[in-house]
Amino acid sequence: MMKKVYQNKFYEKGVSRGNCYAACVASLLEKELIELPHLGTCSEVMFYLNKHNLELHCFSKDPFMEGVYNKPYIAIGVSPRDKSL
């Protein structure tokens, strides 16, 4: 079961990146945002996920659409609002 956690920091070009990814991780782990450490780098994310017996996988296509992955996952991609992210 997942818990609904909403981001509370939002992207502002040149100022802030927001915390939507952290909100997704908190939802999967059923935690509050305040309980998560800063997840700024890929290695920080991998370390934190591994600590909770989760894995980081990269797919070139949506794994659910391809029928190759049947677990909850977080999909990320380039935002249409700013391609430089």
N, C-alpha and C. Protein backbone atom coordinates (compact mmCIF):
# COMPACT_ATOMS: atom_id res chain seq x y z
N MET A 1 0.85 -1.18 0.00
CA MET A 1 0.00 0.00 0.00
C MET A 1 0.90 1.24 0.00
N MET A 2 0.49 2.22 -0.73
CA MET A 2 1.26 3.48 -0.78
C MET A 2 0.50 4.57 -0.04
N LYS A 3 1.26 5.54 0.44
CA LYS A 3 0.69 6.69 1.14
C LYS A 3 0.79 7.90 0.21
N LYS A 4 -0.25 8.69 0.13
CA LYS A 4 -0.19 9.90 -0.70
C LYS A 4 0.67 10.95 -0.02
N VAL A 5 1.74 11.32 -0.68
CA VAL A 5 2.62 12.38 -0.19
C VAL A 5 2.77 13.38 -1.33
N TYR A 6 2.54 14.63 -1.04
CA TYR A 6 2.61 15.66 -2.07
C TYR A 6 3.88 16.49 -1.90
N GLN A 7 4.46 16.88 -3.03
CA GLN A 7 5.62 17.75 -2.97
C GLN A 7 5.24 19.08 -2.34
N ASN A 8 6.22 19.70 -1.66
CA ASN A 8 5.96 20.99 -1.05
C ASN A 8 6.97 22.05 -1.48
N LYS A 9 7.84 21.66 -2.39
CA LYS A 9 8.78 22.61 -3.02
C LYS A 9 8.57 22.45 -4.52
N PHE A 10 8.54 23.56 -5.23
CA PHE A 10 8.24 23.52 -6.66
C PHE A 10 9.36 24.15 -7.47
N TYR A 11 9.52 23.66 -8.69
CA TYR A 11 10.54 24.16 -9.60
C TYR A 11 10.35 25.64 -9.89
N GLU A 12 11.45 26.36 -9.80
CA GLU A 12 11.48 27.76 -10.22
C GLU A 12 12.82 27.96 -10.91
N LYS A 13 12.78 28.23 -12.19
CA LYS A 13 13.99 28.29 -13.01
C LYS A 13 15.07 29.15 -12.36
N GLY A 14 16.24 28.55 -12.19
CA GLY A 14 17.39 29.23 -11.62
C GLY A 14 17.35 29.40 -10.11
N VAL A 15 16.28 28.92 -9.47
CA VAL A 15 16.14 29.12 -8.02
C VAL A 15 16.01 27.80 -7.27
N SER A 16 15.05 26.96 -7.68
CA SER A 16 14.73 25.74 -6.94
C SER A 16 14.36 24.62 -7.89
N ARG A 17 14.74 23.39 -7.54
CA ARG A 17 14.41 22.23 -8.37
C ARG A 17 13.14 21.53 -7.93
N GLY A 18 12.61 21.83 -6.78
CA GLY A 18 11.42 21.14 -6.31
C GLY A 18 11.75 19.80 -5.67
N ASN A 19 10.74 19.14 -5.14
CA ASN A 19 10.98 17.86 -4.48
C ASN A 19 9.94 16.79 -4.85
N CYS A 20 9.54 16.77 -6.11
CA CYS A 20 8.56 15.77 -6.54
C CYS A 20 9.11 14.35 -6.45
N TYR A 21 10.40 14.16 -6.74
CA TYR A 21 10.99 12.82 -6.67
C TYR A 21 10.99 12.32 -5.23
N ALA A 22 11.37 13.20 -4.31
CA ALA A 22 11.37 12.83 -2.89
C ALA A 22 9.96 12.47 -2.44
N ALA A 23 8.96 13.19 -2.93
CA ALA A 23 7.57 12.89 -2.58
C ALA A 23 7.17 11.50 -3.10
N CYS A 24 7.64 11.14 -4.28
CA CYS A 24 7.37 9.80 -4.83
C CYS A 24 8.00 8.72 -3.97
N VAL A 25 9.26 8.92 -3.58
CA VAL A 25 9.96 7.95 -2.73
C VAL A 25 9.24 7.84 -1.38
N ALA A 26 8.86 8.96 -0.80
CA ALA A 26 8.15 8.95 0.48
C ALA A 26 6.82 8.19 0.35
N SER A 27 6.14 8.37 -0.77
CA SER A 27 4.88 7.65 -1.00
C SER A 27 5.10 6.15 -1.02
N LEU A 28 6.12 5.71 -1.75
CA LEU A 28 6.41 4.28 -1.84
C LEU A 28 6.78 3.69 -0.48
N LEU A 29 7.52 4.47 0.32
CA LEU A 29 7.96 3.98 1.63
C LEU A 29 6.97 4.28 2.75
N GLU A 30 5.87 4.94 2.39
CA GLU A 30 4.85 5.34 3.36
C GLU A 30 5.44 6.16 4.50
N LYS A 31 6.22 7.17 4.11
CA LYS A 31 6.86 8.08 5.06
C LYS A 31 6.45 9.51 4.75
N GLU A 32 6.71 10.40 5.69
CA GLU A 32 6.52 11.82 5.47
C GLU A 32 7.78 12.37 4.81
N LEU A 33 7.65 13.44 4.06
CA LEU A 33 8.81 14.06 3.41
C LEU A 33 9.90 14.41 4.41
N ILE A 34 9.51 14.88 5.56
CA ILE A 34 10.47 15.30 6.59
C ILE A 34 11.35 14.14 7.06
N GLU A 35 10.90 12.91 6.86
CA GLU A 35 11.65 11.73 7.29
C GLU A 35 12.75 11.34 6.31
N LEU A 36 12.71 11.88 5.10
CA LEU A 36 13.70 11.53 4.09
C LEU A 36 14.90 12.47 4.16
N PRO A 37 16.09 11.94 3.91
CA PRO A 37 17.25 12.82 3.80
C PRO A 37 17.20 13.55 2.45
N HIS A 38 18.08 14.50 2.26
CA HIS A 38 18.17 15.17 0.96
C HIS A 38 18.61 14.13 -0.07
N LEU A 39 17.86 14.02 -1.16
CA LEU A 39 18.17 13.05 -2.21
C LEU A 39 18.60 13.81 -3.46
N GLY A 40 19.74 14.46 -3.38
CA GLY A 40 20.17 15.32 -4.47
C GLY A 40 20.94 14.64 -5.58
N THR A 41 21.77 13.68 -5.25
CA THR A 41 22.59 13.04 -6.27
C THR A 41 22.12 11.60 -6.50
N CYS A 42 22.49 11.06 -7.62
CA CYS A 42 22.12 9.68 -7.95
C CYS A 42 22.66 8.72 -6.90
N SER A 43 23.89 8.92 -6.43
CA SER A 43 24.46 8.01 -5.43
C SER A 43 23.70 8.11 -4.10
N GLU A 44 23.23 9.32 -3.74
CA GLU A 44 22.43 9.46 -2.52
C GLU A 44 21.10 8.71 -2.64
N VAL A 45 20.49 8.82 -3.80
CA VAL A 45 19.23 8.12 -4.05
C VAL A 45 19.45 6.61 -3.99
N MET A 46 20.48 6.12 -4.67
CA MET A 46 20.77 4.68 -4.68
C MET A 46 21.05 4.16 -3.27
N PHE A 47 21.84 4.89 -2.50
CA PHE A 47 22.17 4.48 -1.14
C PHE A 47 20.90 4.39 -0.29
N TYR A 48 20.05 5.40 -0.38
CA TYR A 48 18.83 5.43 0.42
C TYR A 48 17.87 4.32 0.01
N LEU A 49 17.70 4.12 -1.29
CA LEU A 49 16.80 3.05 -1.75
C LEU A 49 17.32 1.68 -1.33
N ASN A 50 18.61 1.44 -1.49
CA ASN A 50 19.20 0.15 -1.09
C ASN A 50 19.02 -0.11 0.40
N LYS A 51 19.10 0.95 1.19
CA LYS A 51 18.92 0.85 2.63
C LYS A 51 17.51 0.33 2.97
N HIS A 52 16.55 0.59 2.08
CA HIS A 52 15.18 0.14 2.28
C HIS A 52 14.80 -1.03 1.37
N ASN A 53 15.82 -1.78 0.93
CA ASN A 53 15.62 -2.95 0.08
C ASN A 53 14.89 -2.63 -1.22
N LEU A 54 15.16 -1.46 -1.77
CA LEU A 54 14.62 -1.07 -3.07
C LEU A 54 15.78 -0.93 -4.04
N GLU A 55 15.49 -0.98 -5.31
CA GLU A 55 16.53 -0.91 -6.33
C GLU A 55 16.25 0.22 -7.30
N LEU A 56 17.29 0.68 -7.94
CA LEU A 56 17.17 1.70 -8.97
C LEU A 56 17.46 1.02 -10.31
N HIS A 57 16.49 1.06 -11.23
CA HIS A 57 16.63 0.46 -12.55
C HIS A 57 16.39 1.54 -13.61
N CYS A 58 17.05 1.42 -14.71
CA CYS A 58 16.83 2.34 -15.82
C CYS A 58 16.24 1.56 -17.00
N PHE A 59 15.18 2.10 -17.57
CA PHE A 59 14.52 1.48 -18.71
C PHE A 59 14.42 2.51 -19.83
N SER A 60 14.54 2.06 -21.05
CA SER A 60 14.39 2.98 -22.18
C SER A 60 12.92 3.11 -22.59
N LYS A 61 12.09 2.17 -22.15
CA LYS A 61 10.65 2.20 -22.43
C LYS A 61 9.91 1.96 -21.12
N ASP A 62 8.65 2.30 -21.06
CA ASP A 62 7.84 2.09 -19.87
C ASP A 62 7.77 0.59 -19.58
N PRO A 63 8.30 0.15 -18.43
CA PRO A 63 8.32 -1.29 -18.15
C PRO A 63 6.94 -1.91 -17.98
N PHE A 64 5.95 -1.15 -17.50
CA PHE A 64 4.60 -1.70 -17.40
C PHE A 64 4.00 -1.89 -18.78
N MET A 65 4.22 -0.95 -19.67
CA MET A 65 3.68 -1.06 -21.02
C MET A 65 4.32 -2.22 -21.77
N GLU A 66 5.58 -2.50 -21.47
CA GLU A 66 6.29 -3.59 -22.12
C GLU A 66 6.02 -4.94 -21.44
N GLY A 67 5.38 -4.89 -20.25
CA GLY A 67 5.07 -6.13 -19.55
C GLY A 67 6.26 -6.82 -18.92
N VAL A 68 7.32 -6.07 -18.62
CA VAL A 68 8.52 -6.70 -18.07
C VAL A 68 8.72 -6.40 -16.59
N TYR A 69 7.90 -5.54 -16.02
CA TYR A 69 8.10 -5.14 -14.62
C TYR A 69 6.75 -5.04 -13.96
N ASN A 70 6.56 -5.71 -12.85
CA ASN A 70 5.24 -5.74 -12.22
C ASN A 70 5.25 -5.21 -10.79
N LYS A 71 6.14 -4.29 -10.48
CA LYS A 71 6.21 -3.69 -9.15
C LYS A 71 5.96 -2.19 -9.28
N PRO A 72 5.58 -1.52 -8.19
CA PRO A 72 5.45 -0.06 -8.26
C PRO A 72 6.79 0.56 -8.66
N TYR A 73 6.73 1.60 -9.44
CA TYR A 73 7.96 2.26 -9.84
C TYR A 73 7.72 3.75 -10.04
N ILE A 74 8.80 4.49 -10.05
CA ILE A 74 8.75 5.93 -10.29
C ILE A 74 9.33 6.17 -11.68
N ALA A 75 8.56 6.78 -12.53
CA ALA A 75 9.03 7.10 -13.88
C ALA A 75 9.45 8.56 -13.91
N ILE A 76 10.61 8.83 -14.47
CA ILE A 76 11.08 10.20 -14.58
C ILE A 76 11.45 10.49 -16.02
N GLY A 77 11.43 11.74 -16.37
CA GLY A 77 11.78 12.13 -17.72
C GLY A 77 11.97 13.63 -17.80
N VAL A 78 12.27 14.11 -18.97
CA VAL A 78 12.50 15.53 -19.18
C VAL A 78 11.17 16.27 -19.09
N SER A 79 11.18 17.34 -18.34
CA SER A 79 9.99 18.15 -18.18
C SER A 79 9.78 19.05 -19.42
N PRO A 80 8.55 19.19 -19.88
CA PRO A 80 8.32 20.06 -21.04
C PRO A 80 8.50 21.54 -20.69
N ARG A 81 8.50 21.89 -19.40
CA ARG A 81 8.63 23.29 -19.02
C ARG A 81 10.07 23.81 -19.14
N ASP A 82 11.06 22.91 -19.04
CA ASP A 82 12.45 23.35 -19.14
C ASP A 82 13.33 22.17 -19.50
N LYS A 83 13.74 22.07 -20.73
CA LYS A 83 14.51 20.93 -21.21
C LYS A 83 15.92 20.87 -20.62
N SER A 84 16.37 21.94 -19.93
CA SER A 84 17.73 21.95 -19.37
C SER A 84 17.83 21.20 -18.06
N LEU A 85 16.71 20.71 -17.52
CA LEU A 85 16.76 19.98 -16.26
C LEU A 85 17.46 18.68 -16.52
